[in-house]
C-alpha atoms as a PDB file:
ATOM      1  CA  MET A   1       0.205   0.096  -0.180  1.00  0.00           C
ATOM      2  CA  GLN A   2       1.291   3.916  -0.677  1.00  0.00           C
ATOM      3  CA  ILE A   3      -0.244   6.835   0.789  1.00  0.00           C
ATOM      4  CA  LYS A   4      -1.452   9.068  -1.777  1.00  0.00           C
ATOM      5  CA  ARG A   5      -2.575  11.690   0.420  1.00  0.00           C
ATOM      6  CA  PHE A   6       0.579  14.051  -0.364  1.00  0.00           C
ATOM      7  CA  ALA A   7       1.367  13.528  -3.985  1.00  0.00           C
ATOM      8  CA  PHE A   8       4.417  15.875  -4.276  1.00  0.00           C
ATOM      9  CA  LEU A   9       8.244  15.265  -4.053  1.00  0.00           C
ATOM     10  CA  GLY A  10       9.994  15.486  -0.837  1.00  0.00           C
ATOM     11  CA  VAL A  11      11.291  18.729  -0.227  1.00  0.00           C
ATOM     12  CA  ALA A  12      15.039  19.567  -0.780  1.00  0.00           C
ATOM     13  CA  LEU A  13      17.205  19.697   2.025  1.00  0.00           C
ATOM     14  CA  LEU A  14      19.967  21.952   2.844  1.00  0.00           C
ATOM     15  CA  ALA A  15      23.172  20.534   3.943  1.00  0.00           C
ATOM     16  CA  LEU A  16      24.163  21.612   7.604  1.00  0.00           C
ATOM     17  CA  ALA A  17      25.857  25.060   7.361  1.00  0.00           C
ATOM     18  CA  SER A  18      29.619  24.857   6.806  1.00  0.00           C
ATOM     19  CA  ALA A  19      30.456  28.125   7.551  1.00  0.00           C
ATOM     20  CA  PRO A  20      33.383  28.920   9.919  1.00  0.00           C
ATOM     21  CA  VAL A  21      31.922  29.174  14.011  1.00  0.00           C
ATOM     22  CA  THR A  22      32.757  31.195  16.754  1.00  0.00           C
ATOM     23  CA  VAL A  23      34.022  29.067  19.251  1.00  0.00           C
ATOM     24  CA  PHE A  24      34.628  29.729  22.879  1.00  0.00           C
ATOM     25  CA  ALA A  25      38.471  29.819  23.528  1.00  0.00           C
ATOM     26  CA  ALA A  26      38.935  26.067  24.757  1.00  0.00           C
ATOM     27  CA  GLY A  27      41.459  26.590  27.553  1.00  0.00           C
ATOM     28  CA  ASN A  28      41.245  24.108  30.547  1.00  0.00           C
ATOM     29  CA  THR A  29      37.730  23.554  31.033  1.00  0.00           C
ATOM     30  CA  LEU A  30      38.788  21.022  33.905  1.00  0.00           C
ATOM     31  CA  ASP A  31      40.252  23.758  35.954  1.00  0.00           C
ATOM     32  CA  VAL A  32      37.048  25.611  35.094  1.00  0.00           C
ATOM     33  CA  VAL A  33      34.910  23.180  36.249  1.00  0.00           C
ATOM     34  CA  LYS A  34      36.873  22.475  39.528  1.00  0.00           C
ATOM     35  CA  LYS A  35      37.246  26.007  40.497  1.00  0.00           C
ATOM     36  CA  ARG A  36      33.340  26.548  39.852  1.00  0.00           C
ATOM     37  CA  GLY A  37      32.336  23.577  41.918  1.00  0.00           C
ATOM     38  CA  TYR A  38      30.157  21.470  39.499  1.00  0.00           C
ATOM     39  CA  VAL A  39      29.903  20.152  35.966  1.00  0.00           C
ATOM     40  CA  GLN A  40      27.523  22.348  33.638  1.00  0.00           C
ATOM     41  CA  CYS A  41      26.098  19.465  31.359  1.00  0.00           C
ATOM     42  CA  GLY A  42      23.852  20.263  28.193  1.00  0.00           C
ATOM     43  CA  VAL A  43      21.089  17.559  27.867  1.00  0.00           C
ATOM     44  CA  SER A  44      18.112  17.205  25.912  1.00  0.00           C
ATOM     45  CA  GLN A  45      14.892  19.369  26.515  1.00  0.00           C
ATOM     46  CA  GLY A  46      12.849  15.950  27.921  1.00  0.00           C
ATOM     47  CA  LEU A  47      13.569  12.725  26.260  1.00  0.00           C
ATOM     48  CA  PRO A  48      12.699   9.628  28.673  1.00  0.00           C
ATOM     49  CA  GLY A  49      15.451   7.193  29.324  1.00  0.00           C
ATOM     50  CA  PHE A  50      18.055   9.637  27.995  1.00  0.00           C
ATOM     51  CA  SER A  51      17.565  12.839  29.654  1.00  0.00           C
ATOM     52  CA  ASN A  52      14.357  13.840  31.219  1.00  0.00           C
ATOM     53  CA  PRO A  53      13.289  15.842  34.337  1.00  0.00           C
ATOM     54  CA  ASP A  54      10.420  14.710  36.560  1.00  0.00           C
ATOM     55  CA  ASP A  55       7.804  16.942  38.027  1.00  0.00           C
ATOM     56  CA  LYS A  56      10.276  17.992  40.808  1.00  0.00           C
ATOM     57  CA  GLY A  57      13.156  18.767  37.983  1.00  0.00           C
ATOM     58  CA  ASP A  58      15.093  15.875  38.919  1.00  0.00           C
ATOM     59  CA  TRP A  59      16.871  14.514  35.793  1.00  0.00           C
ATOM     60  CA  THR A  60      17.245  10.785  34.964  1.00  0.00           C
ATOM     61  CA  GLY A  61      18.220   8.995  31.622  1.00  0.00           C
ATOM     62  CA  ILE A  62      21.326   7.751  30.043  1.00  0.00           C
ATOM     63  CA  ASP A  63      23.228  10.961  29.387  1.00  0.00           C
ATOM     64  CA  VAL A  64      22.292  12.229  32.736  1.00  0.00           C
ATOM     65  CA  ASP A  65      24.189   9.216  34.616  1.00  0.00           C
ATOM     66  CA  LEU A  66      27.214  10.010  32.162  1.00  0.00           C
ATOM     67  CA  CYS A  67      27.104  13.635  33.690  1.00  0.00           C
ATOM     68  CA  ARG A  68      26.571  12.569  37.290  1.00  0.00           C
ATOM     69  CA  ALA A  69      29.405   9.978  36.768  1.00  0.00           C
ATOM     70  CA  ILE A  70      31.786  12.741  35.602  1.00  0.00           C
ATOM     71  CA  ALA A  71      30.975  14.631  38.696  1.00  0.00           C
ATOM     72  CA  ALA A  72      31.826  11.539  40.522  1.00  0.00           C
ATOM     73  CA  ALA A  73      34.871  11.033  39.162  1.00  0.00           C
ATOM     74  CA  VAL A  74      36.101  14.833  39.653  1.00  0.00           C
ATOM     75  CA  PHE A  75      34.550  15.737  42.845  1.00  0.00           C
ATOM     76  CA  GLY A  76      33.737  12.396  44.612  1.00  0.00           C
ATOM     77  CA  ASP A  77      30.118  13.317  44.497  1.00  0.00           C
ATOM     78  CA  ALA A  78      27.630  12.396  41.706  1.00  0.00           C
ATOM     79  CA  GLU A  79      25.383  15.540  42.827  1.00  0.00           C
ATOM     80  CA  LYS A  80      27.578  18.161  41.827  1.00  0.00           C
ATOM     81  CA  VAL A  81      26.640  18.645  38.746  1.00  0.00           C
ATOM     82  CA  LYS A  82      23.865  20.960  36.882  1.00  0.00           C
ATOM     83  CA  PHE A  83      21.729  20.408  33.873  1.00  0.00           C
ATOM     84  CA  THR A  84      20.765  22.898  30.968  1.00  0.00           C
ATOM     85  CA  PRO A  85      18.204  21.753  28.642  1.00  0.00           C
ATOM     86  CA  LEU A  86      18.950  22.372  25.206  1.00  0.00           C
ATOM     87  CA  SER A  87      17.053  21.851  21.635  1.00  0.00           C
ATOM     88  CA  ALA A  88      19.083  20.191  18.964  1.00  0.00           C
ATOM     89  CA  LYS A  89      19.168  23.928  17.473  1.00  0.00           C
ATOM     90  CA  GLU A  90      20.736  25.195  20.316  1.00  0.00           C
ATOM     91  CA  ARG A  91      23.291  22.390  21.495  1.00  0.00           C
ATOM     92  CA  PHE A  92      26.423  23.218  19.435  1.00  0.00           C
ATOM     93  CA  THR A  93      26.021  26.941  20.143  1.00  0.00           C
ATOM     94  CA  ALA A  94      25.775  26.133  23.687  1.00  0.00           C
ATOM     95  CA  ILE A  95      28.950  24.197  23.862  1.00  0.00           C
ATOM     96  CA  GLN A  96      30.949  26.676  21.430  1.00  0.00           C
ATOM     97  CA  SER A  97      30.116  29.483  23.453  1.00  0.00           C
ATOM     98  CA  GLY A  98      30.983  27.795  26.700  1.00  0.00           C
ATOM     99  CA  GLU A  99      27.578  28.195  28.246  1.00  0.00           C
ATOM    100  CA  VAL A 100      27.786  24.222  28.890  1.00  0.00           C
ATOM    101  CA  ASP A 101      30.861  22.038  29.487  1.00  0.00           C
ATOM    102  CA  LEU A 102      29.918  19.334  27.297  1.00  0.00           C
ATOM    103  CA  ILE A 103      26.929  17.932  25.535  1.00  0.00           C
ATOM    104  CA  ALA A 104      25.668  14.887  26.639  1.00  0.00           C
ATOM    105  CA  ARG A 105      21.868  14.862  24.857  1.00  0.00           C
ATOM    106  CA  ASN A 106      21.273  12.031  21.870  1.00  0.00           C
ATOM    107  CA  THR A 107      23.781  13.548  19.318  1.00  0.00           C
ATOM    108  CA  THR A 108      25.051  11.910  16.752  1.00  0.00           C
ATOM    109  CA  TRP A 109      28.796  11.577  15.872  1.00  0.00           C
ATOM    110  CA  SER A 110      29.128  13.004  12.355  1.00  0.00           C
ATOM    111  CA  MET A 111      32.285  13.946  10.376  1.00  0.00           C
ATOM    112  CA  HIS A 112      30.818  17.068   9.866  1.00  0.00           C
ATOM    113  CA  ARG A 113      29.950  18.022  13.212  1.00  0.00           C
ATOM    114  CA  ASP A 114      33.280  16.729  14.343  1.00  0.00           C
ATOM    115  CA  THR A 115      35.517  18.922  11.965  1.00  0.00           C
ATOM    116  CA  ALA A 116      33.435  21.648  11.451  1.00  0.00           C
ATOM    117  CA  LEU A 117      31.741  22.775  14.319  1.00  0.00           C
ATOM    118  CA  GLY A 118      34.245  23.421  16.848  1.00  0.00           C
ATOM    119  CA  VAL A 119      33.512  20.271  18.887  1.00  0.00           C
ATOM    120  CA  ASP A 120      35.018  16.820  19.291  1.00  0.00           C
ATOM    121  CA  PHE A 121      33.083  13.920  20.025  1.00  0.00           C
ATOM    122  CA  ARG A 122      34.832  11.293  22.556  1.00  0.00           C
ATOM    123  CA  ALA A 123      32.821   8.445  22.836  1.00  0.00           C
ATOM    124  CA  VAL A 124      29.931   6.611  22.068  1.00  0.00           C
ATOM    125  CA  ASN A 125      27.659   5.762  25.111  1.00  0.00           C
ATOM    126  CA  TYR A 126      24.587   4.483  22.897  1.00  0.00           C
ATOM    127  CA  TYR A 127      24.760   3.075  19.291  1.00  0.00           C
ATOM    128  CA  ASP A 128      21.441   3.626  17.423  1.00  0.00           C
ATOM    129  CA  GLY A 129      20.111   4.028  13.989  1.00  0.00           C
ATOM    130  CA  GLN A 130      16.767   6.068  12.631  1.00  0.00           C
ATOM    131  CA  GLY A 131      13.401   4.448  12.419  1.00  0.00           C
ATOM    132  CA  PHE A 132       9.836   5.634  11.639  1.00  0.00           C
ATOM    133  CA  MET A 133       6.901   5.303  13.877  1.00  0.00           C
ATOM    134  CA  ILE A 134       3.223   5.199  12.345  1.00  0.00           C
ATOM    135  CA  ARG A 135      -0.400   4.608  13.498  1.00  0.00           C
ATOM    136  CA  GLY A 136      -1.280   0.590  13.503  1.00  0.00           C
ATOM    137  CA  ASP A 137      -4.595   1.556  11.462  1.00  0.00           C
ATOM    138  CA  LEU A 138      -2.710   3.206   8.434  1.00  0.00           C
ATOM    139  CA  GLY A 139      -1.987  -0.250   7.400  1.00  0.00           C
ATOM    140  CA  VAL A 140       1.798   0.187   6.941  1.00  0.00           C
ATOM    141  CA  LYS A 141       4.376  -2.584   7.715  1.00  0.00           C
ATOM    142  CA  SER A 142       7.496  -1.213   6.142  1.00  0.00           C
ATOM    143  CA  ALA A 143       9.115   2.308   5.451  1.00  0.00           C
ATOM    144  CA  LEU A 144       8.788   1.271   1.754  1.00  0.00           C
ATOM    145  CA  GLU A 145       5.111   1.687   2.049  1.00  0.00           C
ATOM    146  CA  LEU A 146       5.338   5.541   3.098  1.00  0.00           C
ATOM    147  CA  ASP A 147       5.417   7.083  -0.385  1.00  0.00           C
ATOM    148  CA  GLY A 148       3.679  10.272  -0.491  1.00  0.00           C
ATOM    149  CA  ALA A 149       3.720  10.491   3.679  1.00  0.00           C
ATOM    150  CA  THR A 150       4.394  13.656   5.671  1.00  0.00           C
ATOM    151  CA  LEU A 151       7.237  13.046   8.674  1.00  0.00           C
ATOM    152  CA  CYS A 152       7.314  14.856  11.657  1.00  0.00           C
ATOM    153  CA  THR A 153      10.789  15.127  13.179  1.00  0.00           C
ATOM    154  CA  ASN A 154      13.198  17.808  14.781  1.00  0.00           C
ATOM    155  CA  GLN A 155      15.040  20.807  13.126  1.00  0.00           C
ATOM    156  CA  GLY A 156      18.627  20.727  12.971  1.00  0.00           C
ATOM    157  CA  THR A 157      19.194  16.987  13.189  1.00  0.00           C
ATOM    158  CA  THR A 158      20.851  14.362  11.081  1.00  0.00           C
ATOM    159  CA  THR A 159      17.219  12.978  10.677  1.00  0.00           C
ATOM    160  CA  GLU A 160      16.193  15.414   8.010  1.00  0.00           C
ATOM    161  CA  LEU A 161      19.202  14.665   5.869  1.00  0.00           C
ATOM    162  CA  ASN A 162      18.593  10.543   6.551  1.00  0.00           C
ATOM    163  CA  ALA A 163      15.231  10.801   5.592  1.00  0.00           C
ATOM    164  CA  ALA A 164      15.978  12.869   2.000  1.00  0.00           C
ATOM    165  CA  ASP A 165      18.571  10.152   1.320  1.00  0.00           C
ATOM    166  CA  TYR A 166      16.377   7.188   1.926  1.00  0.00           C
ATOM    167  CA  PHE A 167      13.167   8.663   0.292  1.00  0.00           C
ATOM    168  CA  ARG A 168      15.372   9.488  -3.030  1.00  0.00           C
ATOM    169  CA  ALA A 169      17.126   6.285  -3.107  1.00  0.00           C
ATOM    170  CA  ASN A 170      13.950   4.268  -3.086  1.00  0.00           C
ATOM    171  CA  ASN A 171      12.080   6.676  -5.410  1.00  0.00           C
ATOM    172  CA  MET A 172       9.506   7.931  -3.076  1.00  0.00           C
ATOM    173  CA  GLN A 173       7.781  11.223  -2.315  1.00  0.00           C
ATOM    174  CA  TYR A 174       7.662  12.845   0.796  1.00  0.00           C
ATOM    175  CA  GLU A 175       7.406  15.673   3.015  1.00  0.00           C
ATOM    176  CA  ILE A 176       9.020  17.099   6.226  1.00  0.00           C
ATOM    177  CA  VAL A 177       7.423  19.011   8.714  1.00  0.00           C
ATOM    178  CA  ALA A 178      10.358  20.172  11.021  1.00  0.00           C
ATOM    179  CA  PHE A 179      10.176  21.267  14.767  1.00  0.00           C
ATOM    180  CA  GLU A 180      12.763  23.302  16.662  1.00  0.00           C
ATOM    181  CA  LYS A 181      11.621  21.113  20.246  1.00  0.00           C
ATOM    182  CA  ALA A 182      11.208  17.408  19.971  1.00  0.00           C
ATOM    183  CA  ASP A 183       7.586  17.580  22.315  1.00  0.00           C
ATOM    184  CA  GLU A 184       6.586  20.001  19.379  1.00  0.00           C
ATOM    185  CA  ALA A 185       7.268  17.293  16.862  1.00  0.00           C
ATOM    186  CA  ILE A 186       5.573  14.612  18.866  1.00  0.00           C
ATOM    187  CA  ALA A 187       2.538  16.774  19.700  1.00  0.00           C
ATOM    188  CA  ALA A 188       2.278  17.157  15.945  1.00  0.00           C
ATOM    189  CA  TYR A 189       2.246  13.588  14.917  1.00  0.00           C
ATOM    190  CA  ASN A 190       0.114  12.801  18.009  1.00  0.00           C
ATOM    191  CA  ALA A 191      -2.416  15.693  16.634  1.00  0.00           C
ATOM    192  CA  GLY A 192      -2.393  13.800  13.058  1.00  0.00           C
ATOM    193  CA  ARG A 193      -0.309  16.351  11.346  1.00  0.00           C
ATOM    194  CA  CYS A 194       1.870  14.320  10.126  1.00  0.00           C
ATOM    195  CA  ASP A 195       1.509  10.471   8.621  1.00  0.00           C
ATOM    196  CA  ALA A 196       5.005   9.368  10.564  1.00  0.00           C
ATOM    197  CA  TYR A 197       7.188  10.384  13.146  1.00  0.00           C
ATOM    198  CA  THR A 198      11.362   9.812  12.282  1.00  0.00           C
ATOM    199  CA  THR A 199      14.246   9.862  14.741  1.00  0.00           C
ATOM    200  CA  ASP A 200      16.431   7.917  16.466  1.00  0.00           C
ATOM    201  CA  HIS A 201      14.962   4.113  16.906  1.00  0.00           C
ATOM    202  CA  SER A 202      15.417   4.576  20.708  1.00  0.00           C
ATOM    203  CA  ALA A 203      13.772   7.744  21.032  1.00  0.00           C
ATOM    204  CA  LEU A 204      10.637   6.572  19.059  1.00  0.00           C
ATOM    205  CA  TYR A 205      10.222   4.087  21.926  1.00  0.00           C
ATOM    206  CA  ALA A 206      10.761   7.051  24.417  1.00  0.00           C
ATOM    207  CA  GLN A 207       8.573   9.510  22.433  1.00  0.00           C
ATOM    208  CA  ARG A 208       5.691   6.858  22.109  1.00  0.00           C
ATOM    209  CA  LEU A 209       5.168   6.951  25.722  1.00  0.00           C
ATOM    210  CA  LYS A 210       3.876  10.561  25.285  1.00  0.00           C
ATOM    211  CA  LEU A 211       1.385   9.784  22.961  1.00  0.00           C
ATOM    212  CA  THR A 212      -2.412   9.684  23.728  1.00  0.00           C
ATOM    213  CA  ASP A 213      -2.883   6.016  22.995  1.00  0.00           C
ATOM    214  CA  PRO A 214       0.582   4.582  22.871  1.00  0.00           C
ATOM    215  CA  GLN A 215       0.111   1.071  21.785  1.00  0.00           C
ATOM    216  CA  THR A 216      -1.730   1.964  18.926  1.00  0.00           C
ATOM    217  CA  HIS A 217       1.581   3.020  17.146  1.00  0.00           C
ATOM    218  CA  ILE A 218       4.208   0.806  15.423  1.00  0.00           C
ATOM    219  CA  VAL A 219       7.869   1.198  15.095  1.00  0.00           C
ATOM    220  CA  LEU A 220       8.538   0.047  11.688  1.00  0.00           C
ATOM    221  CA  PRO A 221      11.255  -2.464  11.335  1.00  0.00           C
ATOM    222  CA  GLU A 222      13.669  -0.499   8.952  1.00  0.00           C
ATOM    223  CA  ILE A 223      16.696   1.017  10.305  1.00  0.00           C
ATOM    224  CA  ILE A 224      17.984   3.677   7.836  1.00  0.00           C
ATOM    225  CA  SER A 225      21.153   5.161   9.308  1.00  0.00           C
ATOM    226  CA  LYS A 226      23.938   4.751  11.686  1.00  0.00           C
ATOM    227  CA  GLU A 227      23.594   6.896  14.705  1.00  0.00           C
ATOM    228  CA  PRO A 228      26.469   6.398  17.160  1.00  0.00           C
ATOM    229  CA  LEU A 229      25.308   8.788  19.974  1.00  0.00           C
ATOM    230  CA  GLY A 230      27.795  10.326  22.361  1.00  0.00           C
ATOM    231  CA  PRO A 231      28.990  13.304  24.716  1.00  0.00           C
ATOM    232  CA  ALA A 232      30.988  15.864  22.912  1.00  0.00           C
ATOM    233  CA  VAL A 233      33.611  18.913  24.321  1.00  0.00           C
ATOM    234  CA  ARG A 234      34.965  21.856  22.516  1.00  0.00           C
ATOM    235  CA  GLN A 235      37.824  21.217  20.009  1.00  0.00           C
ATOM    236  CA  GLY A 236      41.473  21.651  21.690  1.00  0.00           C
ATOM    237  CA  ASP A 237      39.971  20.703  25.159  1.00  0.00           C
ATOM    238  CA  ASP A 238      41.885  17.736  25.156  1.00  0.00           C
ATOM    239  CA  ARG A 239      42.425  17.085  29.054  1.00  0.00           C
ATOM    240  CA  TRP A 240      38.662  17.567  29.843  1.00  0.00           C
ATOM    241  CA  GLY A 241      37.917  15.470  26.901  1.00  0.00           C
ATOM    242  CA  ASP A 242      39.926  12.579  28.223  1.00  0.00           C
ATOM    243  CA  VAL A 243      38.183  12.951  31.420  1.00  0.00           C
ATOM    244  CA  VAL A 244      34.865  12.358  29.865  1.00  0.00           C
ATOM    245  CA  ALA A 245      35.875   9.718  27.699  1.00  0.00           C
ATOM    246  CA  TRP A 246      37.756   7.726  30.402  1.00  0.00           C
ATOM    247  CA  VAL A 247      34.309   7.830  32.493  1.00  0.00           C
ATOM    248  CA  HIS A 248      32.441   6.172  30.296  1.00  0.00           C
ATOM    249  CA  TYR A 249      35.035   3.680  29.193  1.00  0.00           C
ATOM    250  CA  ALA A 250      35.400   2.677  33.009  1.00  0.00           C
ATOM    251  CA  SER A 251      31.900   2.172  33.074  1.00  0.00           C
ATOM    252  CA  VAL A 252      31.958  -0.233  30.353  1.00  0.00           C
ATOM    253  CA  ALA A 253      35.380  -1.821  31.751  1.00  0.00           C
ATOM    254  CA  ALA A 254      33.687  -2.323  34.972  1.00  0.00           C
ATOM    255  CA  GLU A 255      30.852  -4.188  33.274  1.00  0.00           C
ATOM    256  CA  GLU A 256      33.559  -6.539  31.653  1.00  0.00           C
ATOM    257  CA  LEU A 257      35.177  -7.116  35.114  1.00  0.00           C
ATOM    258  CA  GLY A 258      31.890  -7.980  36.865  1.00  0.00           C
ATOM    259  CA  LEU A 259      32.265  -4.774  39.068  1.00  0.00           C
ATOM    260  CA  THR A 260      29.060  -3.024  39.826  1.00  0.00           C
ATOM    261  CA  SER A 261      27.963  -0.220  42.088  1.00  0.00           C
ATOM    262  CA  LYS A 262      26.988  -3.222  44.984  1.00  0.00           C
ATOM    263  CA  ASN A 263      30.293  -4.741  45.106  1.00  0.00           C
ATOM    264  CA  ILE A 264      32.871  -2.590  43.944  1.00  0.00           C
ATOM    265  CA  GLY A 265      33.332  -1.268  47.451  1.00  0.00           C
ATOM    266  CA  ALA A 266      34.456  -4.929  48.503  1.00  0.00           C
ATOM    267  CA  GLN A 267      37.294  -5.091  45.913  1.00  0.00           C
ATOM    268  CA  GLY A 268      40.063  -3.432  47.743  1.00  0.00           C
ATOM    269  CA  ASN A 269      42.135  -6.140  48.191  1.00  0.00           C
ATOM    270  CA  SER A 270      41.466  -7.788  44.617  1.00  0.00           C
ATOM    271  CA  LYS A 271      44.552  -9.512  43.114  1.00  0.00           C
ATOM    272  CA  ASN A 272      43.184  -8.710  39.486  1.00  0.00           C
ATOM    273  CA  PRO A 273      45.645  -6.413  37.837  1.00  0.00           C
ATOM    274  CA  SER A 274      42.824  -4.898  35.867  1.00  0.00           C
ATOM    275  CA  VAL A 275      40.674  -4.609  38.802  1.00  0.00           C
ATOM    276  CA  ARG A 276      43.464  -2.729  40.851  1.00  0.00           C
ATOM    277  CA  ARG A 277      44.059  -0.190  37.907  1.00  0.00           C
ATOM    278  CA  LEU A 278      40.554   0.673  37.763  1.00  0.00           C
ATOM    279  CA  LEU A 279      40.049   1.057  41.213  1.00  0.00           C
ATOM    280  CA  GLY A 280      43.411   3.267  41.419  1.00  0.00           C
ATOM    281  CA  LYS A 281      45.378   0.905  43.398  1.00  0.00           C
ATOM    282  CA  ASP A 282      48.154   0.745  41.154  1.00  0.00           C
ATOM    283  CA  GLY A 283      48.887   3.413  38.322  1.00  0.00           C
ATOM    284  CA  THR A 284      48.724   6.810  38.077  1.00  0.00           C
ATOM    285  CA  PHE A 285      45.688   7.194  35.767  1.00  0.00           C
ATOM    286  CA  GLY A 286      43.816   9.300  38.068  1.00  0.00           C
ATOM    287  CA  ALA A 287      46.846  11.570  38.152  1.00  0.00           C
ATOM    288  CA  ASN A 288      47.285  11.520  34.682  1.00  0.00           C
ATOM    289  CA  LEU A 289      43.793  12.643  34.024  1.00  0.00           C
ATOM    290  CA  GLY A 290      43.964  15.708  36.768  1.00  0.00           C
ATOM    291  CA  ILE A 291      41.507  14.053  38.721  1.00  0.00           C
ATOM    292  CA  PRO A 292      41.645  11.680  42.007  1.00  0.00           C
ATOM    293  CA  ALA A 293      43.412   8.340  42.170  1.00  0.00           C
ATOM    294  CA  ASP A 294      39.931   6.721  42.658  1.00  0.00           C
ATOM    295  CA  TRP A 295      37.920   8.475  39.974  1.00  0.00           C
ATOM    296  CA  ALA A 296      36.162   5.434  38.336  1.00  0.00           C
ATOM    297  CA  GLN A 297      35.800   3.634  41.742  1.00  0.00           C
ATOM    298  CA  GLN A 298      33.442   6.732  42.773  1.00  0.00           C
ATOM    299  CA  ALA A 299      31.954   6.948  39.372  1.00  0.00           C
ATOM    300  CA  ILE A 300      30.918   3.261  39.405  1.00  0.00           C
ATOM    301  CA  LYS A 301      29.898   3.211  43.111  1.00  0.00           C
ATOM    302  CA  GLN A 302      27.941   6.518  42.883  1.00  0.00           C
ATOM    303  CA  VAL A 303      26.185   5.566  39.425  1.00  0.00           C
ATOM    304  CA  GLY A 304      26.719   2.117  38.291  1.00  0.00           C
ATOM    305  CA  ASN A 305      28.592   0.241  35.513  1.00  0.00           C
ATOM    306  CA  TYR A 306      27.384   0.653  31.949  1.00  0.00           C
ATOM    307  CA  GLY A 307      25.144  -2.207  32.040  1.00  0.00           C
ATOM    308  CA  GLU A 308      23.426  -0.860  35.172  1.00  0.00           C
ATOM    309  CA  ILE A 309      23.032   2.384  33.732  1.00  0.00           C
ATOM    310  CA  PHE A 310      21.480   0.996  30.502  1.00  0.00           C
ATOM    311  CA  GLU A 311      19.092  -1.589  32.480  1.00  0.00           C
ATOM    312  CA  ARG A 312      18.002   1.344  34.654  1.00  0.00           C
ATOM    313  CA  ASN A 313      17.180   4.018  32.306  1.00  0.00           C
ATOM    314  CA  VAL A 314      15.984   1.892  28.954  1.00  0.00           C
ATOM    315  CA  GLY A 315      16.296  -1.651  29.572  1.00  0.00           C
ATOM    316  CA  VAL A 316      13.560  -4.558  29.029  1.00  0.00           C
ATOM    317  CA  ASN A 317      12.136  -3.967  32.487  1.00  0.00           C
ATOM    318  CA  THR A 318      11.724  -0.429  32.009  1.00  0.00           C
ATOM    319  CA  PRO A 319       8.791   1.444  30.096  1.00  0.00           C
ATOM    320  CA  LEU A 320      11.062   1.796  26.815  1.00  0.00           C
ATOM    321  CA  GLY A 321      11.591  -2.044  27.022  1.00  0.00           C
ATOM    322  CA  ILE A 322      14.884  -1.693  24.719  1.00  0.00           C
ATOM    323  CA  LYS A 323      17.239  -4.757  24.521  1.00  0.00           C
ATOM    324  CA  ARG A 324      20.638  -4.147  24.791  1.00  0.00           C
ATOM    325  CA  GLY A 325      21.452  -5.280  20.864  1.00  0.00           C
ATOM    326  CA  LEU A 326      24.434  -3.312  19.774  1.00  0.00           C
ATOM    327  CA  ASN A 327      24.921  -1.562  22.938  1.00  0.00           C
ATOM    328  CA  ALA A 328      25.609  -4.886  24.689  1.00  0.00           C
ATOM    329  CA  LEU A 329      29.436  -5.476  25.469  1.00  0.00           C
ATOM    330  CA  TRP A 330      31.711  -7.031  22.739  1.00  0.00           C
ATOM    331  CA  THR A 331      32.184  -9.930  24.631  1.00  0.00           C
ATOM    332  CA  ASN A 332      28.471 -10.539  24.068  1.00  0.00           C
ATOM    333  CA  GLY A 333      27.975  -9.746  20.429  1.00  0.00           C
ATOM    334  CA  GLY A 334      27.609  -6.005  21.172  1.00  0.00           C
ATOM    335  CA  LEU A 335      29.769  -3.050  20.366  1.00  0.00           C
ATOM    336  CA  GLN A 336      30.305  -1.788  23.800  1.00  0.00           C
ATOM    337  CA  TYR A 337      34.224  -1.861  24.080  1.00  0.00           C
ATOM    338  CA  ALA A 338      36.430   0.042  26.306  1.00  0.00           C
ATOM    339  CA  PRO A 339      40.239   0.565  25.500  1.00  0.00           C
ATOM    340  CA  PRO A 340      42.672  -1.097  28.309  1.00  0.00           C
ATOM    341  CA  ILE A 341      43.040   0.831  31.337  1.00  0.00           C
ATOM    342  CA  ARG A 342      47.030   0.091  31.686  1.00  0.00           C
END
């Protein structure tokens, strides 16, 4: 079946701007953070499972937990972090200007962003891909049946460009209706302004929870892109970038080693060399990063290893119900892999 309600060609999309950007002087963000006394973390405006505030303004999610783990590593206190909600359009300006110390808001690592926007991506804390969600009564079983559809999505994201590539490659017509805020896009889809909603696959499950009748909406099987999501810092700020990257890698290494928030405190006398290095018992890894020797121990004890963070926020026992898939450890067929701490 093809959707015939819209009979015009998909709108042409301009490539992301490649003009030079004005970037905040990188300096040494780690020293600035230490002097300030907390980490200023740029997050989404509300994406369940990744970065989402509750009615009291308390933030939860995978990206939020990364920021808390960084605070625990630097200060020994996971609560020494503040969150700045940013739209997709605002996020890069916020990091360039120095408004935030890092972006941790389901942001795709792409070549353009890594080379032209004055930011550096340092790790991937969630491997994803773009998908589509439609109403079950539309009678569509595949994205290849979306000829003539109108798509709701977020403005200023890779989503628009991916959709253009996919529909052009498959000789299909479409229209994009883009919104600056994710909540505006999902609200428009909920109101029937679009045939489909398209964004990262994980975000489809998260945003579906906000719909009037979530169970009547279907996530189609196609994954049309690679979306490695991860934290970004300012270019030229290598020391701070190392802290951000290695806090994530420490959470992955901890899961590999069977260390959790509940048992890590009892590992002080471990004879395992890998455990001892992670806990700061051997080596000068904390000093090399410019933070305390027990940086990884504090991050894992207070926030958890990668598996704990995943399952607590988006796993099969949460409302999102997402399986580990590509985000399983490399030892279990996934892509999460930590360089050795040695």
